[in-house]
Amino acid sequence: MLTGEFRNALDDKGRLSIPARVRAELTGDTLVLTRGVDQCLWLFPPEEWKALSESLMRAASPFTKKARLLQRRIIAPAQEVELDRAGRINIPASLLQSAGLSRECIILGINRYLEIWDVEAYDAYLEENESEFQEAAEELGGFVSFFDSEGS
């Protein structure tokens, strides 16, 4: 399970170190990097990427405008990246630019994949979406019964 929040800097060659704790959860040295839905990049283990891309292709007909948009935005820019001996991935220039990555990055573990954000963009995203987060948490209050039964 890929979880955690980590801050790392891009080096001058566009490489980003993937935290050792995250690397320990991965099998193999190949990952798939693509644009995310928000201003971030998504990094997938190959098996998770295959499941997502196949699901997206099955659910979305290339004859609809929205489906083509999703396919072009998420599937088309996807690239395999290799973890080097130092645990770094090289982020292609096109993906660096699309996510607005400068120097300081934040890596978020979202269970089955990772998100890579520019620190300033992520902080702005959190601030802009705080009220929506509060609403979502409130709505999930009736759904999540974990906390109700934890003391029993």
C-alpha atoms as a PDB file:
ATOM      1  CA  MET A   1       0.000   0.000   0.000  1.00  0.00           C
ATOM      2  CA  LEU A   2       1.495   3.295  -1.112  1.00  0.00           C
ATOM      3  CA  THR A   3       0.797   5.926   1.528  1.00  0.00           C
ATOM      4  CA  GLY A   4       2.546   8.909   3.024  1.00  0.00           C
ATOM      5  CA  GLU A   5       3.444  12.509   2.280  1.00  0.00           C
ATOM      6  CA  PHE A   6       7.034  13.242   1.360  1.00  0.00           C
ATOM      7  CA  ARG A   7       8.923  16.355   0.256  1.00  0.00           C
ATOM      8  CA  ASN A   8      11.836  15.998  -2.143  1.00  0.00           C
ATOM      9  CA  ALA A   9      13.603  18.305  -4.558  1.00  0.00           C
ATOM     10  CA  LEU A  10      14.090  17.816  -8.264  1.00  0.00           C
ATOM     11  CA  ASP A  11      17.729  17.801  -9.233  1.00  0.00           C
ATOM     12  CA  ASP A  12      19.176  19.808 -12.130  1.00  0.00           C
ATOM     13  CA  LYS A  13      18.551  16.914 -14.523  1.00  0.00           C
ATOM     14  CA  GLY A  14      14.833  16.618 -13.723  1.00  0.00           C
ATOM     15  CA  ARG A  15      15.206  13.578 -11.484  1.00  0.00           C
ATOM     16  CA  LEU A  16      13.124  13.049  -8.376  1.00  0.00           C
ATOM     17  CA  SER A  17      14.033  10.684  -5.563  1.00  0.00           C
ATOM     18  CA  ILE A  18      11.257   8.284  -4.596  1.00  0.00           C
ATOM     19  CA  PRO A  19      11.317   7.710  -0.821  1.00  0.00           C
ATOM     20  CA  ALA A  20      12.785   4.396   0.342  1.00  0.00           C
ATOM     21  CA  ARG A  21       9.609   3.540   2.250  1.00  0.00           C
ATOM     22  CA  VAL A  22       7.608   3.838  -0.964  1.00  0.00           C
ATOM     23  CA  ARG A  23      10.186   1.924  -3.025  1.00  0.00           C
ATOM     24  CA  ALA A  24       9.948  -0.942  -0.535  1.00  0.00           C
ATOM     25  CA  GLU A  25       6.304  -1.395  -1.522  1.00  0.00           C
ATOM     26  CA  LEU A  26       7.069  -1.568  -5.256  1.00  0.00           C
ATOM     27  CA  THR A  27       7.915  -4.670  -7.227  1.00  0.00           C
ATOM     28  CA  GLY A  28      10.424  -4.018  -9.966  1.00  0.00           C
ATOM     29  CA  ASP A  29      12.090  -0.833 -11.157  1.00  0.00           C
ATOM     30  CA  THR A  30       9.620   0.262 -13.838  1.00  0.00           C
ATOM     31  CA  LEU A  31       6.769   2.691 -13.159  1.00  0.00           C
ATOM     32  CA  VAL A  32       4.310   4.569 -15.365  1.00  0.00           C
ATOM     33  CA  LEU A  33       4.150   8.365 -15.125  1.00  0.00           C
ATOM     34  CA  THR A  34       1.345  10.471 -16.597  1.00  0.00           C
ATOM     35  CA  ARG A  35      -0.615  13.683 -16.114  1.00  0.00           C
ATOM     36  CA  GLY A  36      -3.061  13.680 -13.233  1.00  0.00           C
ATOM     37  CA  VAL A  37      -6.534  15.158 -13.151  1.00  0.00           C
ATOM     38  CA  ASP A  38      -5.415  18.169 -11.118  1.00  0.00           C
ATOM     39  CA  GLN A  39      -2.117  20.011 -11.637  1.00  0.00           C
ATOM     40  CA  CYS A  40      -0.021  17.015 -10.658  1.00  0.00           C
ATOM     41  CA  LEU A  41       1.514  13.878 -12.081  1.00  0.00           C
ATOM     42  CA  TRP A  42       0.357  10.355 -11.358  1.00  0.00           C
ATOM     43  CA  LEU A  43       2.912   7.591 -10.853  1.00  0.00           C
ATOM     44  CA  PHE A  44       1.689   3.998 -11.068  1.00  0.00           C
ATOM     45  CA  PRO A  45       3.138   0.554 -10.591  1.00  0.00           C
ATOM     46  CA  PRO A  46       2.714  -1.158 -14.001  1.00  0.00           C
ATOM     47  CA  GLU A  47      -0.076  -3.491 -12.875  1.00  0.00           C
ATOM     48  CA  GLU A  48      -2.136  -0.607 -11.468  1.00  0.00           C
ATOM     49  CA  TRP A  49      -1.572   1.446 -14.631  1.00  0.00           C
ATOM     50  CA  LYS A  50      -2.680  -1.468 -16.803  1.00  0.00           C
ATOM     51  CA  ALA A  51      -5.892  -1.881 -14.789  1.00  0.00           C
ATOM     52  CA  LEU A  52      -6.689   1.851 -14.918  1.00  0.00           C
ATOM     53  CA  SER A  53      -5.899   2.349 -18.601  1.00  0.00           C
ATOM     54  CA  GLU A  54      -7.805  -0.759 -19.666  1.00  0.00           C
ATOM     55  CA  SER A  55     -10.787   0.295 -17.566  1.00  0.00           C
ATOM     56  CA  LEU A  56     -10.731   3.795 -19.035  1.00  0.00           C
ATOM     57  CA  MET A  57     -10.510   2.451 -22.587  1.00  0.00           C
ATOM     58  CA  ARG A  58     -13.396   0.012 -22.027  1.00  0.00           C
ATOM     59  CA  ALA A  59     -15.626   2.644 -20.425  1.00  0.00           C
ATOM     60  CA  ALA A  60     -14.936   5.441 -22.900  1.00  0.00           C
ATOM     61  CA  SER A  61     -15.757   5.276 -26.588  1.00  0.00           C
ATOM     62  CA  PRO A  62     -13.340   7.104 -28.901  1.00  0.00           C
ATOM     63  CA  PHE A  63     -16.438   8.404 -30.671  1.00  0.00           C
ATOM     64  CA  THR A  64     -17.368  10.736 -27.827  1.00  0.00           C
ATOM     65  CA  LYS A  65     -15.655  14.059 -27.267  1.00  0.00           C
ATOM     66  CA  LYS A  66     -15.266  13.664 -23.484  1.00  0.00           C
ATOM     67  CA  ALA A  67     -13.805  10.178 -23.837  1.00  0.00           C
ATOM     68  CA  ARG A  68     -11.215  11.369 -26.348  1.00  0.00           C
ATOM     69  CA  LEU A  69     -10.315  14.213 -24.021  1.00  0.00           C
ATOM     70  CA  LEU A  70      -9.729  11.808 -21.113  1.00  0.00           C
ATOM     71  CA  GLN A  71      -7.727   9.430 -23.281  1.00  0.00           C
ATOM     72  CA  ARG A  72      -5.574  12.235 -24.650  1.00  0.00           C
ATOM     73  CA  ARG A  73      -5.040  13.797 -21.241  1.00  0.00           C
ATOM     74  CA  ILE A  74      -4.303  10.669 -19.218  1.00  0.00           C
ATOM     75  CA  ILE A  75      -3.354   7.753 -21.468  1.00  0.00           C
ATOM     76  CA  ALA A  76      -1.483   9.465 -24.310  1.00  0.00           C
ATOM     77  CA  PRO A  77       1.183  11.256 -22.210  1.00  0.00           C
ATOM     78  CA  ALA A  78       1.924   8.166 -20.095  1.00  0.00           C
ATOM     79  CA  GLN A  79       5.559   7.091 -20.139  1.00  0.00           C
ATOM     80  CA  GLU A  80       7.455   4.284 -18.506  1.00  0.00           C
ATOM     81  CA  VAL A  81      10.160   5.520 -16.158  1.00  0.00           C
ATOM     82  CA  GLU A  82      12.880   3.504 -14.477  1.00  0.00           C
ATOM     83  CA  LEU A  83      14.047   3.794 -10.909  1.00  0.00           C
ATOM     84  CA  ASP A  84      17.812   4.247 -11.027  1.00  0.00           C
ATOM     85  CA  ARG A  85      20.205   2.771  -8.449  1.00  0.00           C
ATOM     86  CA  ALA A  86      19.738   5.840  -6.255  1.00  0.00           C
ATOM     87  CA  GLY A  87      15.927   5.420  -6.287  1.00  0.00           C
ATOM     88  CA  ARG A  88      15.266   8.354  -8.623  1.00  0.00           C
ATOM     89  CA  ILE A  89      13.021   8.679 -11.644  1.00  0.00           C
ATOM     90  CA  ASN A  90      13.697  10.994 -14.553  1.00  0.00           C
ATOM     91  CA  ILE A  91      10.641  13.150 -15.245  1.00  0.00           C
ATOM     92  CA  PRO A  92      10.323  14.007 -18.955  1.00  0.00           C
ATOM     93  CA  ALA A  93      10.311  17.741 -19.753  1.00  0.00           C
ATOM     94  CA  SER A  94       6.763  17.656 -21.151  1.00  0.00           C
ATOM     95  CA  LEU A  95       5.411  16.228 -17.895  1.00  0.00           C
ATOM     96  CA  LEU A  96       7.522  18.578 -15.752  1.00  0.00           C
ATOM     97  CA  GLN A  97       5.973  21.478 -17.611  1.00  0.00           C
ATOM     98  CA  SER A  98       2.390  20.180 -17.558  1.00  0.00           C
ATOM     99  CA  ALA A  99       2.478  19.822 -13.751  1.00  0.00           C
ATOM    100  CA  GLY A 100       4.371  23.074 -13.237  1.00  0.00           C
ATOM    101  CA  LEU A 101       7.105  21.308 -11.274  1.00  0.00           C
ATOM    102  CA  SER A 102       9.915  23.655 -10.350  1.00  0.00           C
ATOM    103  CA  ARG A 103      12.271  22.497  -7.624  1.00  0.00           C
ATOM    104  CA  GLU A 104      10.492  21.507  -4.405  1.00  0.00           C
ATOM    105  CA  CYS A 105       7.992  18.693  -4.856  1.00  0.00           C
ATOM    106  CA  ILE A 106       5.592  16.796  -2.678  1.00  0.00           C
ATOM    107  CA  ILE A 107       4.932  13.104  -3.235  1.00  0.00           C
ATOM    108  CA  LEU A 108       1.610  11.771  -1.970  1.00  0.00           C
ATOM    109  CA  GLY A 109       0.855   8.078  -1.562  1.00  0.00           C
ATOM    110  CA  ILE A 110      -2.758   7.464  -2.579  1.00  0.00           C
ATOM    111  CA  ASN A 111      -2.865   3.733  -1.782  1.00  0.00           C
ATOM    112  CA  ARG A 112      -2.470   2.327  -5.329  1.00  0.00           C
ATOM    113  CA  TYR A 113      -0.563   5.180  -6.974  1.00  0.00           C
ATOM    114  CA  LEU A 114       1.476   8.301  -6.189  1.00  0.00           C
ATOM    115  CA  GLU A 115       0.837  11.948  -6.950  1.00  0.00           C
ATOM    116  CA  ILE A 116       3.698  14.359  -7.597  1.00  0.00           C
ATOM    117  CA  TRP A 117       2.993  18.061  -7.036  1.00  0.00           C
ATOM    118  CA  ASP A 118       4.945  21.268  -7.000  1.00  0.00           C
ATOM    119  CA  VAL A 119       4.890  22.261  -3.307  1.00  0.00           C
ATOM    120  CA  GLU A 120       3.478  25.750  -3.951  1.00  0.00           C
ATOM    121  CA  ALA A 121       0.782  24.405  -6.294  1.00  0.00           C
ATOM    122  CA  TYR A 122      -0.216  21.773  -3.733  1.00  0.00           C
ATOM    123  CA  ASP A 123      -0.419  24.294  -0.901  1.00  0.00           C
ATOM    124  CA  ALA A 124      -2.590  26.547  -3.100  1.00  0.00           C
ATOM    125  CA  TYR A 125      -4.785  23.570  -4.038  1.00  0.00           C
ATOM    126  CA  LEU A 126      -5.341  22.691  -0.372  1.00  0.00           C
ATOM    127  CA  GLU A 127      -6.195  26.272   0.519  1.00  0.00           C
ATOM    128  CA  GLU A 128      -8.588  26.699  -2.425  1.00  0.00           C
ATOM    129  CA  ASN A 129     -10.394  23.444  -1.646  1.00  0.00           C
ATOM    130  CA  GLU A 130     -10.596  23.566   2.159  1.00  0.00           C
ATOM    131  CA  SER A 131     -14.341  24.286   2.239  1.00  0.00           C
ATOM    132  CA  GLU A 132     -15.037  21.448  -0.232  1.00  0.00           C
ATOM    133  CA  PHE A 133     -12.898  19.145   1.912  1.00  0.00           C
ATOM    134  CA  GLN A 134     -14.945  20.067   4.980  1.00  0.00           C
ATOM    135  CA  GLU A 135     -18.199  19.383   3.080  1.00  0.00           C
ATOM    136  CA  ALA A 136     -16.901  16.031   1.792  1.00  0.00           C
ATOM    137  CA  ALA A 137     -15.787  15.009   5.283  1.00  0.00           C
ATOM    138  CA  GLU A 138     -19.209  15.935   6.644  1.00  0.00           C
ATOM    139  CA  GLU A 139     -20.967  13.919   3.924  1.00  0.00           C
ATOM    140  CA  LEU A 140     -18.791  10.889   4.651  1.00  0.00           C
ATOM    141  CA  GLY A 141     -19.637  11.144   8.343  1.00  0.00           C
ATOM    142  CA  GLY A 142     -22.706   8.973   7.869  1.00  0.00           C
ATOM    143  CA  PHE A 143     -20.819   6.525   5.690  1.00  0.00           C
ATOM    144  CA  VAL A 144     -17.770   5.937   7.836  1.00  0.00           C
ATOM    145  CA  SER A 145     -18.744   3.914  10.898  1.00  0.00           C
ATOM    146  CA  PHE A 146     -15.152   2.958  11.743  1.00  0.00           C
ATOM    147  CA  PHE A 147     -14.854   5.607  14.429  1.00  0.00           C
ATOM    148  CA  ASP A 148     -18.183   4.650  15.988  1.00  0.00           C
ATOM    149  CA  SER A 149     -17.063   1.084  16.621  1.00  0.00           C
ATOM    150  CA  GLU A 150     -13.398   1.693  17.468  1.00  0.00           C
ATOM    151  CA  GLY A 151     -13.959   2.013  21.209  1.00  0.00           C
ATOM    152  CA  SER A 152     -16.131  -1.102  21.454  1.00  0.00           C
END
